Amino acid sequence: MIITDAQRGKADYASMGMKTNHSSKHYKQKDGYAHAVDLRVKGRSELRNQLMTIYFKMMGFTTIRHVGTADHLHVQI
């Protein structure tokens, strides 16, 4: 598994050419931790990606597969 992004700041969105997301779970939260990670899925089999999505959903995480800067699985608490 490759974690592509675990924590970011508001300036990171501009450097990626994206609008600033003021409510991103990637920002450090009140408890001191980021509540979201991005996991690379590019170059992985669809079966593997679907099983990984099911696994995180079973663990109670919200998962969204999308393309922001690249194809990835966004996993958040």
N, C-alpha and C. Protein backbone atom coordinates (compact mmCIF):
# COMPACT_ATOMS: atom_id res chain seq x y z
N MET A 1 0.85 -1.16 0.00
CA MET A 1 0.00 0.00 0.00
C MET A 1 0.90 1.23 0.00
N ILE A 2 0.54 2.21 -0.83
CA ILE A 2 1.30 3.45 -0.89
C ILE A 2 0.38 4.59 -0.46
N ILE A 3 0.74 5.26 0.62
CA ILE A 3 -0.01 6.43 1.08
C ILE A 3 0.54 7.63 0.33
N THR A 4 -0.33 8.28 -0.45
CA THR A 4 0.13 9.40 -1.26
C THR A 4 -0.01 10.73 -0.55
N ASP A 5 -0.87 10.80 0.45
CA ASP A 5 -1.04 12.06 1.17
C ASP A 5 -1.68 11.78 2.52
N ALA A 6 -1.01 12.15 3.58
CA ALA A 6 -1.55 11.91 4.92
C ALA A 6 -1.96 13.20 5.61
N GLN A 7 -1.28 14.27 5.33
CA GLN A 7 -1.64 15.56 5.95
C GLN A 7 -1.21 16.66 5.01
N ARG A 8 -2.07 17.65 4.87
CA ARG A 8 -1.72 18.78 4.01
C ARG A 8 -2.21 20.07 4.62
N GLY A 9 -1.68 21.17 4.11
CA GLY A 9 -2.11 22.49 4.53
C GLY A 9 -2.85 23.18 3.40
N LYS A 10 -3.42 24.32 3.68
CA LYS A 10 -4.20 25.04 2.66
C LYS A 10 -3.36 25.40 1.45
N ALA A 11 -2.10 25.73 1.63
CA ALA A 11 -1.23 26.09 0.51
C ALA A 11 -0.99 24.90 -0.42
N ASP A 12 -1.11 23.68 0.10
CA ASP A 12 -0.89 22.50 -0.73
C ASP A 12 -1.91 22.39 -1.86
N TYR A 13 -3.14 22.82 -1.60
CA TYR A 13 -4.17 22.77 -2.64
C TYR A 13 -3.79 23.66 -3.81
N ALA A 14 -3.30 24.86 -3.53
CA ALA A 14 -2.88 25.78 -4.60
C ALA A 14 -1.72 25.19 -5.40
N SER A 15 -0.77 24.57 -4.71
CA SER A 15 0.38 23.99 -5.42
C SER A 15 -0.03 22.81 -6.29
N MET A 16 -1.17 22.18 -5.98
CA MET A 16 -1.68 21.08 -6.80
C MET A 16 -2.62 21.59 -7.89
N GLY A 17 -2.84 22.91 -7.92
CA GLY A 17 -3.73 23.49 -8.92
C GLY A 17 -5.20 23.27 -8.62
N MET A 18 -5.53 23.11 -7.34
CA MET A 18 -6.91 22.85 -6.93
C MET A 18 -7.43 23.98 -6.06
N LYS A 19 -8.77 24.11 -5.99
CA LYS A 19 -9.36 25.08 -5.09
C LYS A 19 -9.08 24.65 -3.65
N THR A 20 -8.88 25.64 -2.76
CA THR A 20 -8.66 25.34 -1.35
C THR A 20 -9.92 24.75 -0.75
N ASN A 21 -9.77 23.63 -0.07
CA ASN A 21 -10.87 22.97 0.61
C ASN A 21 -10.75 23.34 2.08
N HIS A 22 -11.60 24.24 2.54
CA HIS A 22 -11.49 24.75 3.91
C HIS A 22 -11.91 23.74 4.98
N SER A 23 -12.58 22.67 4.58
CA SER A 23 -13.03 21.68 5.57
C SER A 23 -12.39 20.31 5.36
N SER A 24 -11.23 20.28 4.74
CA SER A 24 -10.56 19.02 4.43
C SER A 24 -10.19 18.25 5.70
N LYS A 25 -10.43 16.96 5.66
CA LYS A 25 -10.02 16.08 6.76
C LYS A 25 -8.52 15.79 6.69
N HIS A 26 -7.85 16.25 5.62
CA HIS A 26 -6.40 16.10 5.51
C HIS A 26 -5.67 17.09 6.41
N TYR A 27 -6.34 18.15 6.82
CA TYR A 27 -5.73 19.13 7.72
C TYR A 27 -5.61 18.53 9.11
N LYS A 28 -4.66 19.01 9.88
CA LYS A 28 -4.55 18.59 11.27
C LYS A 28 -5.83 19.03 11.99
N GLN A 29 -6.48 18.09 12.66
CA GLN A 29 -7.74 18.35 13.34
C GLN A 29 -7.48 18.76 14.80
N LYS A 30 -8.53 19.05 15.54
CA LYS A 30 -8.38 19.52 16.93
C LYS A 30 -7.61 18.54 17.81
N ASP A 31 -7.71 17.24 17.50
CA ASP A 31 -6.99 16.25 18.30
C ASP A 31 -5.52 16.11 17.91
N GLY A 32 -5.08 16.91 16.90
CA GLY A 32 -3.69 16.89 16.50
C GLY A 32 -3.36 15.96 15.34
N TYR A 33 -4.35 15.24 14.83
CA TYR A 33 -4.13 14.27 13.76
C TYR A 33 -4.96 14.63 12.53
N ALA A 34 -4.45 14.27 11.35
CA ALA A 34 -5.25 14.34 10.13
C ALA A 34 -6.20 13.15 10.16
N HIS A 35 -7.42 13.35 9.66
CA HIS A 35 -8.42 12.28 9.70
C HIS A 35 -8.67 11.67 8.33
N ALA A 36 -7.75 11.90 7.39
CA ALA A 36 -7.90 11.32 6.05
C ALA A 36 -6.53 11.02 5.45
N VAL A 37 -6.50 9.99 4.62
CA VAL A 37 -5.31 9.66 3.84
C VAL A 37 -5.75 9.35 2.42
N ASP A 38 -4.85 9.53 1.48
CA ASP A 38 -5.08 9.13 0.10
C ASP A 38 -4.18 7.95 -0.20
N LEU A 39 -4.76 6.91 -0.79
CA LEU A 39 -4.02 5.70 -1.12
C LEU A 39 -3.99 5.53 -2.63
N ARG A 40 -2.81 5.32 -3.18
CA ARG A 40 -2.68 5.16 -4.63
C ARG A 40 -3.36 3.88 -5.09
N VAL A 41 -4.14 3.97 -6.15
CA VAL A 41 -4.76 2.79 -6.75
C VAL A 41 -4.33 2.61 -8.20
N LYS A 42 -3.68 3.63 -8.78
CA LYS A 42 -3.22 3.56 -10.16
C LYS A 42 -2.23 2.42 -10.32
N GLY A 43 -2.43 1.63 -11.36
CA GLY A 43 -1.51 0.52 -11.62
C GLY A 43 -1.82 -0.72 -10.81
N ARG A 44 -2.88 -0.70 -10.03
CA ARG A 44 -3.30 -1.86 -9.23
C ARG A 44 -4.52 -2.48 -9.90
N SER A 45 -4.75 -3.76 -9.69
CA SER A 45 -5.90 -4.42 -10.32
C SER A 45 -7.20 -3.90 -9.72
N GLU A 46 -8.25 -3.92 -10.54
CA GLU A 46 -9.56 -3.47 -10.06
C GLU A 46 -10.03 -4.34 -8.89
N LEU A 47 -9.77 -5.63 -8.95
CA LEU A 47 -10.18 -6.52 -7.85
C LEU A 47 -9.50 -6.10 -6.56
N ARG A 48 -8.21 -5.83 -6.61
CA ARG A 48 -7.48 -5.40 -5.41
C ARG A 48 -8.05 -4.10 -4.87
N ASN A 49 -8.31 -3.15 -5.77
CA ASN A 49 -8.85 -1.86 -5.34
C ASN A 49 -10.24 -2.00 -4.73
N GLN A 50 -11.08 -2.85 -5.31
CA GLN A 50 -12.41 -3.07 -4.76
C GLN A 50 -12.34 -3.75 -3.40
N LEU A 51 -11.45 -4.73 -3.26
CA LEU A 51 -11.29 -5.41 -1.96
C LEU A 51 -10.77 -4.45 -0.90
N MET A 52 -9.86 -3.56 -1.28
CA MET A 52 -9.34 -2.58 -0.34
C MET A 52 -10.46 -1.63 0.10
N THR A 53 -11.30 -1.22 -0.83
CA THR A 53 -12.43 -0.35 -0.51
C THR A 53 -13.38 -1.04 0.45
N ILE A 54 -13.71 -2.28 0.18
CA ILE A 54 -14.60 -3.05 1.06
C ILE A 54 -14.00 -3.19 2.45
N TYR A 55 -12.70 -3.48 2.51
CA TYR A 55 -12.02 -3.62 3.80
C TYR A 55 -12.16 -2.35 4.65
N PHE A 56 -11.85 -1.20 4.07
CA PHE A 56 -11.93 0.05 4.83
C PHE A 56 -13.36 0.38 5.23
N LYS A 57 -14.32 0.09 4.36
CA LYS A 57 -15.73 0.34 4.70
C LYS A 57 -16.16 -0.57 5.86
N MET A 58 -15.71 -1.82 5.85
CA MET A 58 -16.03 -2.75 6.94
C MET A 58 -15.42 -2.27 8.26
N MET A 59 -14.29 -1.58 8.18
CA MET A 59 -13.63 -1.06 9.38
C MET A 59 -14.29 0.24 9.86
N GLY A 60 -15.27 0.75 9.11
CA GLY A 60 -16.01 1.93 9.53
C GLY A 60 -15.52 3.24 8.94
N PHE A 61 -14.63 3.18 7.97
CA PHE A 61 -14.11 4.38 7.33
C PHE A 61 -14.96 4.77 6.13
N THR A 62 -15.01 6.06 5.84
CA THR A 62 -15.62 6.54 4.62
C THR A 62 -14.58 6.43 3.51
N THR A 63 -14.94 5.84 2.39
CA THR A 63 -13.99 5.69 1.29
C THR A 63 -14.60 6.24 0.01
N ILE A 64 -13.80 6.99 -0.73
CA ILE A 64 -14.23 7.56 -2.00
C ILE A 64 -13.07 7.39 -2.98
N ARG A 65 -13.35 6.77 -4.10
CA ARG A 65 -12.32 6.67 -5.14
C ARG A 65 -12.55 7.80 -6.13
N HIS A 66 -11.54 8.60 -6.33
CA HIS A 66 -11.69 9.71 -7.27
C HIS A 66 -10.35 10.16 -7.81
N VAL A 67 -10.44 11.03 -8.78
CA VAL A 67 -9.25 11.61 -9.40
C VAL A 67 -9.23 13.09 -9.06
N GLY A 68 -8.29 13.48 -8.23
CA GLY A 68 -8.06 14.90 -7.94
C GLY A 68 -6.82 15.27 -8.73
N THR A 69 -5.69 14.84 -8.23
CA THR A 69 -4.44 15.01 -8.97
C THR A 69 -4.04 13.69 -9.63
N ALA A 70 -4.59 12.58 -9.15
CA ALA A 70 -4.33 11.25 -9.71
C ALA A 70 -5.39 10.30 -9.15
N ASP A 71 -5.52 9.13 -9.78
CA ASP A 71 -6.48 8.13 -9.34
C ASP A 71 -6.06 7.64 -7.95
N HIS A 72 -6.96 7.80 -6.97
CA HIS A 72 -6.62 7.38 -5.61
C HIS A 72 -7.90 7.07 -4.82
N LEU A 73 -7.71 6.39 -3.71
CA LEU A 73 -8.79 6.09 -2.78
C LEU A 73 -8.61 7.02 -1.58
N HIS A 74 -9.62 7.85 -1.36
CA HIS A 74 -9.62 8.76 -0.23
C HIS A 74 -10.30 8.03 0.93
N VAL A 75 -9.59 7.87 2.04
CA VAL A 75 -10.11 7.16 3.21
C VAL A 75 -10.10 8.14 4.38
N GLN A 76 -11.27 8.27 5.03
CA GLN A 76 -11.35 9.19 6.17
C GLN A 76 -12.19 8.62 7.29
N ILE A 77 -11.92 9.13 8.48
CA ILE A 77 -12.68 8.75 9.67
C ILE A 77 -14.01 9.47 9.61
